[in-house]
Amino acid sequence: MVSDLANVGTAAPKSRRPRVMPDVVRAIAADILSGRYPPAATLPSENDLGAEYGVSRTVIREALKMLGAKGLVLSRPRIGTVVCERDNWNIIDPQVLEWHAPNTLDPKLFDSILETRRAIEPLVAELAATRASLQEIADLEAAWKGMADAGSDVSRFARSDAAFHQVLYSACHNPIFRQIGGLIETALNFALETTANSVDRRDEAVKAHFGVVEALRMRDGTAARKASVEILDLAARDLARAKSLKNS
């Protein structure tokens, strides 16, 4: 019994820390991403950060290590913890994207995502037209149907759109492209949801995506590439509109 009570006493702090750590990491990250602590700025000391967030230096130290692993900060001897330049940030890391407030995402990130897709997706679609399995074509059609049936449900439309592109990258059966697709997956999902929220008419996107499905059914690589380019042109239009609405 004494042993059990001792174990309970020592286990309590460990059970609390997982709840504390994400909140502290998120809070410090948000201050960096929002510009409260801009690049090259030195963060307050561990003692001061601990006092601000009501946690121990150990928690702050671990939080800073996590932020360092994401490229947001760098600890320097006799200087302290410095905010890294934006080019060093792991901007498409899922957690880093989650730490952004909705109005603090750099519009240039969405431009970069679109540029990356333009460079890759038409070829991915062309390869998928000759390599996709029957099951992958069926999965692609199911994702397309989710888009077509979404109606006014913007979240369902965005999820189905993201699933469509995930299947497409897998269906090209190129492990490098598949890995790149996985790398940009979270950023792509974020971009799709952002533009979907800003677009009233999505019928053109549904039609263009169906063009890819049909091209894969017919094993027509040229048609698949053309349909993919059409999707990307629509994405560029929707992104421009989303920016316009945000700035108006």
Protein backbone atom coordinates (compact mmCIF):
# COMPACT_ATOMS: atom_id res chain seq x y z
CA MET A 1 0.00 0.00 0.00
CA VAL A 2 2.81 2.42 0.93
CA SER A 3 4.52 1.60 -2.34
CA ASP A 4 1.31 2.29 -4.27
CA LEU A 5 0.83 5.63 -2.54
CA ALA A 6 4.40 6.57 -3.32
CA ASN A 7 3.89 5.75 -6.96
CA VAL A 8 0.75 7.87 -7.08
CA GLY A 9 2.59 10.79 -5.54
CA THR A 10 5.43 10.68 -8.03
CA ALA A 11 3.15 10.10 -11.04
CA ALA A 12 1.02 13.22 -10.56
CA PRO A 13 3.50 15.78 -12.00
CA LYS A 14 4.02 13.59 -15.09
CA SER A 15 0.29 13.44 -15.72
CA ARG A 16 0.01 17.24 -15.57
CA ARG A 17 2.94 18.09 -17.82
CA PRO A 18 1.48 16.80 -21.10
CA ARG A 19 -1.43 19.22 -20.62
CA VAL A 20 0.84 22.14 -19.76
CA MET A 21 3.51 21.68 -22.40
CA PRO A 22 1.36 22.04 -25.54
CA ASP A 23 -0.25 25.20 -24.18
CA VAL A 24 3.08 26.80 -23.37
CA VAL A 25 4.66 25.81 -26.68
CA ARG A 26 1.62 27.09 -28.57
CA ALA A 27 1.62 30.38 -26.66
CA ILE A 28 5.30 31.12 -27.26
CA ALA A 29 5.02 30.01 -30.89
CA ALA A 30 2.01 32.28 -31.41
CA ASP A 31 3.99 35.23 -30.05
CA ILE A 32 6.76 34.49 -32.54
CA LEU A 33 4.50 33.87 -35.53
CA SER A 34 2.42 36.97 -34.81
CA GLY A 35 5.53 39.17 -34.69
CA ARG A 36 5.52 39.96 -30.98
CA TYR A 37 9.01 38.45 -31.03
CA PRO A 38 10.30 39.14 -34.56
CA PRO A 39 13.26 37.41 -36.22
CA ALA A 40 16.59 38.19 -34.52
CA ALA A 41 14.81 39.21 -31.32
CA THR A 42 15.98 37.69 -28.04
CA LEU A 43 13.26 36.02 -26.00
CA PRO A 44 12.86 36.84 -22.31
CA SER A 45 14.87 34.69 -19.94
CA GLU A 46 13.63 31.27 -18.92
CA ASN A 47 12.78 32.69 -15.49
CA ASP A 48 10.75 35.53 -17.00
CA LEU A 49 8.92 33.22 -19.42
CA GLY A 50 8.20 30.83 -16.57
CA ALA A 51 6.74 33.67 -14.52
CA GLU A 52 4.62 34.85 -17.47
CA TYR A 53 3.13 31.43 -18.16
CA GLY A 54 3.09 30.19 -14.57
CA VAL A 55 5.32 27.17 -15.18
CA SER A 56 8.76 25.99 -14.12
CA ARG A 57 12.02 26.67 -15.92
CA THR A 58 12.10 22.99 -16.86
CA VAL A 59 8.83 23.32 -18.77
CA ILE A 60 10.06 26.48 -20.50
CA ARG A 61 13.35 24.82 -21.40
CA GLU A 62 11.55 21.84 -22.94
CA ALA A 63 9.16 24.15 -24.81
CA LEU A 64 12.08 26.07 -26.28
CA LYS A 65 13.71 22.82 -27.35
CA MET A 66 10.54 21.89 -29.23
CA LEU A 67 10.43 25.31 -30.90
CA GLY A 68 14.09 24.92 -31.77
CA ALA A 69 13.37 21.62 -33.50
CA LYS A 70 10.82 23.45 -35.66
CA GLY A 71 13.40 26.05 -36.65
CA LEU A 72 11.69 28.91 -34.81
CA VAL A 73 14.36 29.64 -32.21
CA LEU A 74 18.04 29.07 -31.58
CA SER A 75 19.76 29.05 -28.20
CA ARG A 76 23.07 30.92 -28.13
CA PRO A 77 25.57 30.77 -25.25
CA ARG A 78 25.77 33.98 -23.22
CA ILE A 79 23.07 35.55 -25.42
CA GLY A 80 19.93 33.55 -24.79
CA THR A 81 17.25 32.22 -27.09
CA VAL A 82 16.96 34.11 -30.37
CA VAL A 83 14.13 33.99 -32.89
CA CYS A 84 15.36 32.55 -36.19
CA GLU A 85 14.87 34.16 -39.57
CA ARG A 86 11.67 33.11 -41.35
CA ASP A 87 13.59 31.15 -43.98
CA ASN A 88 14.63 28.73 -41.22
CA TRP A 89 11.10 28.07 -39.98
CA ASN A 90 9.57 24.69 -40.82
CA ILE A 91 6.58 26.48 -42.29
CA ILE A 92 4.80 23.40 -43.64
CA ASP A 93 5.20 21.41 -40.45
CA PRO A 94 1.68 20.49 -39.26
CA GLN A 95 2.22 21.89 -35.78
CA VAL A 96 3.71 25.15 -37.04
CA LEU A 97 0.67 25.66 -39.26
CA GLU A 98 -1.63 24.92 -36.32
CA TRP A 99 0.21 27.46 -34.18
CA HIS A 100 -0.60 30.27 -36.60
CA ALA A 101 -3.57 32.44 -35.82
CA PRO A 102 -5.95 32.55 -38.83
CA ASN A 103 -4.90 36.12 -39.68
CA THR A 104 -1.14 35.66 -39.27
CA LEU A 105 -0.38 33.25 -42.11
CA ASP A 106 1.91 34.79 -44.70
CA PRO A 107 0.04 35.04 -48.03
CA LYS A 108 3.33 34.23 -49.74
CA LEU A 109 3.09 30.73 -48.26
CA PHE A 110 -0.04 30.05 -50.29
CA ASP A 111 1.68 31.38 -53.41
CA SER A 112 4.59 29.02 -52.77
CA ILE A 113 2.25 26.06 -52.32
CA LEU A 114 0.59 26.84 -55.65
CA GLU A 115 3.97 27.19 -57.40
CA THR A 116 5.01 23.80 -56.03
CA ARG A 117 1.79 22.20 -57.22
CA ARG A 118 2.17 23.73 -60.69
CA ALA A 119 5.64 22.23 -60.96
CA ILE A 120 4.58 18.74 -59.89
CA GLU A 121 0.90 17.91 -60.17
CA PRO A 122 0.46 17.90 -63.97
CA LEU A 123 3.19 15.26 -64.25
CA VAL A 124 1.78 13.38 -61.25
CA ALA A 125 -1.62 13.26 -62.98
CA GLU A 126 -0.06 12.12 -66.25
CA LEU A 127 1.80 9.30 -64.53
CA ALA A 128 -1.26 8.31 -62.52
CA ALA A 129 -3.23 7.91 -65.75
CA THR A 130 -1.04 4.97 -66.73
CA ARG A 131 -0.13 3.61 -63.30
CA ALA A 132 -3.18 3.94 -61.03
CA SER A 133 -4.82 0.74 -59.88
CA LEU A 134 -8.56 0.23 -60.30
CA GLN A 135 -8.95 0.70 -56.54
CA GLU A 136 -7.07 4.02 -56.65
CA ILE A 137 -9.28 5.24 -59.49
CA ALA A 138 -12.32 4.24 -57.43
CA ASP A 139 -10.89 6.09 -54.40
CA LEU A 140 -10.27 9.16 -56.56
CA GLU A 141 -13.86 9.06 -57.79
CA ALA A 142 -15.11 8.70 -54.20
CA ALA A 143 -13.17 11.80 -53.19
CA TRP A 144 -14.56 13.65 -56.20
CA LYS A 145 -18.08 12.57 -55.26
CA GLY A 146 -17.50 13.98 -51.79
CA MET A 147 -16.71 17.33 -53.40
CA ALA A 148 -19.73 17.14 -55.69
CA ASP A 149 -22.11 16.22 -52.86
CA ALA A 150 -20.74 18.73 -50.33
CA GLY A 151 -23.27 21.42 -51.22
CA SER A 152 -22.86 24.32 -48.82
CA ASP A 153 -20.70 22.27 -46.43
CA VAL A 154 -17.36 24.03 -46.97
CA SER A 155 -15.46 21.77 -44.57
CA ARG A 156 -16.62 18.62 -46.34
CA PHE A 157 -15.70 20.11 -49.71
CA ALA A 158 -12.19 21.02 -48.50
CA ARG A 159 -11.64 17.61 -46.90
CA SER A 160 -12.76 15.81 -50.05
CA ASP A 161 -10.60 18.07 -52.21
CA ALA A 162 -7.56 17.32 -50.05
CA ALA A 163 -8.32 13.58 -50.13
CA PHE A 164 -8.54 13.75 -53.93
CA HIS A 165 -5.01 15.11 -54.22
CA GLN A 166 -3.64 12.66 -51.66
CA VAL A 167 -4.99 9.75 -53.73
CA LEU A 168 -3.63 11.30 -56.92
CA TYR A 169 -0.10 11.61 -55.52
CA SER A 170 -0.21 8.00 -54.37
CA ALA A 171 -1.61 6.80 -57.69
CA CYS A 172 1.41 8.05 -59.65
CA HIS A 173 3.45 5.29 -57.95
CA ASN A 174 6.57 7.44 -57.80
CA PRO A 175 7.94 7.25 -54.23
CA ILE A 176 9.66 10.64 -54.54
CA PHE A 177 6.52 12.45 -55.72
CA ARG A 178 4.50 10.55 -53.12
CA GLN A 179 6.83 11.77 -50.39
CA ILE A 180 6.68 15.34 -51.70
CA GLY A 181 2.90 15.05 -51.69
CA GLY A 182 3.02 13.95 -48.07
CA LEU A 183 5.37 16.81 -47.24
CA ILE A 184 3.03 19.47 -48.58
CA GLU A 185 -0.14 17.67 -47.49
CA THR A 186 -0.86 19.78 -44.41
CA ALA A 187 -0.02 23.02 -46.18
CA LEU A 188 -2.20 21.97 -49.11
CA ASN A 189 -5.09 21.15 -46.79
CA PHE A 190 -4.71 24.55 -45.15
CA ALA A 191 -4.69 26.32 -48.52
CA LEU A 192 -7.70 24.37 -49.82
CA GLU A 193 -9.75 25.13 -46.71
CA THR A 194 -8.79 28.82 -46.86
CA THR A 195 -9.82 29.22 -50.50
CA ALA A 196 -12.92 27.04 -50.10
CA ASN A 197 -14.13 29.35 -47.37
CA SER A 198 -13.84 32.28 -49.74
CA VAL A 199 -15.40 30.81 -52.87
CA ASP A 200 -19.14 30.84 -53.48
CA ARG A 201 -19.16 28.79 -56.68
CA ARG A 202 -17.31 25.49 -56.64
CA ASP A 203 -19.00 23.84 -59.61
CA GLU A 204 -16.04 24.62 -61.88
CA ALA A 205 -13.64 22.91 -59.49
CA VAL A 206 -15.89 19.83 -59.33
CA LYS A 207 -16.00 19.70 -63.13
CA ALA A 208 -12.21 20.05 -63.47
CA HIS A 209 -11.54 17.34 -60.88
CA PHE A 210 -13.93 15.02 -62.69
CA GLY A 211 -11.79 15.58 -65.78
CA VAL A 212 -8.88 13.95 -63.95
CA VAL A 213 -11.06 11.01 -62.90
CA GLU A 214 -12.22 10.46 -66.47
CA ALA A 215 -8.66 10.75 -67.81
CA LEU A 216 -7.47 8.06 -65.41
CA ARG A 217 -10.37 5.83 -66.39
CA MET A 218 -9.39 6.21 -70.06
CA ARG A 219 -5.67 5.89 -69.25
CA ASP A 220 -5.15 9.18 -71.08
CA GLY A 221 -2.04 10.89 -69.71
CA THR A 222 -2.39 13.98 -71.92
CA ALA A 223 -5.96 14.56 -70.79
CA ALA A 224 -4.96 14.04 -67.16
CA ARG A 225 -2.23 16.66 -67.44
CA LYS A 226 -4.62 19.11 -69.10
CA ALA A 227 -7.27 18.62 -66.42
CA SER A 228 -4.67 19.07 -63.70
CA VAL A 229 -3.55 22.37 -65.21
CA GLU A 230 -7.17 23.49 -65.28
CA ILE A 231 -7.51 22.66 -61.57
CA LEU A 232 -4.41 24.69 -60.79
CA ASP A 233 -5.66 27.66 -62.83
CA LEU A 234 -8.87 27.61 -60.81
CA ALA A 235 -6.84 27.36 -57.61
CA ALA A 236 -4.89 30.46 -58.63
CA ARG A 237 -8.12 32.34 -59.29
CA ASP A 238 -9.63 31.27 -55.96
CA LEU A 239 -6.45 32.21 -54.09
CA ALA A 240 -6.44 35.67 -55.67
CA ARG A 241 -10.06 36.11 -54.66
CA ALA A 242 -9.39 34.94 -51.09
CA LYS A 243 -6.61 37.53 -50.80
CA SER A 244 -8.85 40.22 -52.21
CA LEU A 245 -11.60 39.46 -49.71
CA LYS A 246 -9.12 39.46 -46.85
CA ASN A 247 -7.72 42.87 -47.85
CA SER A 248 -11.11 44.48 -48.51
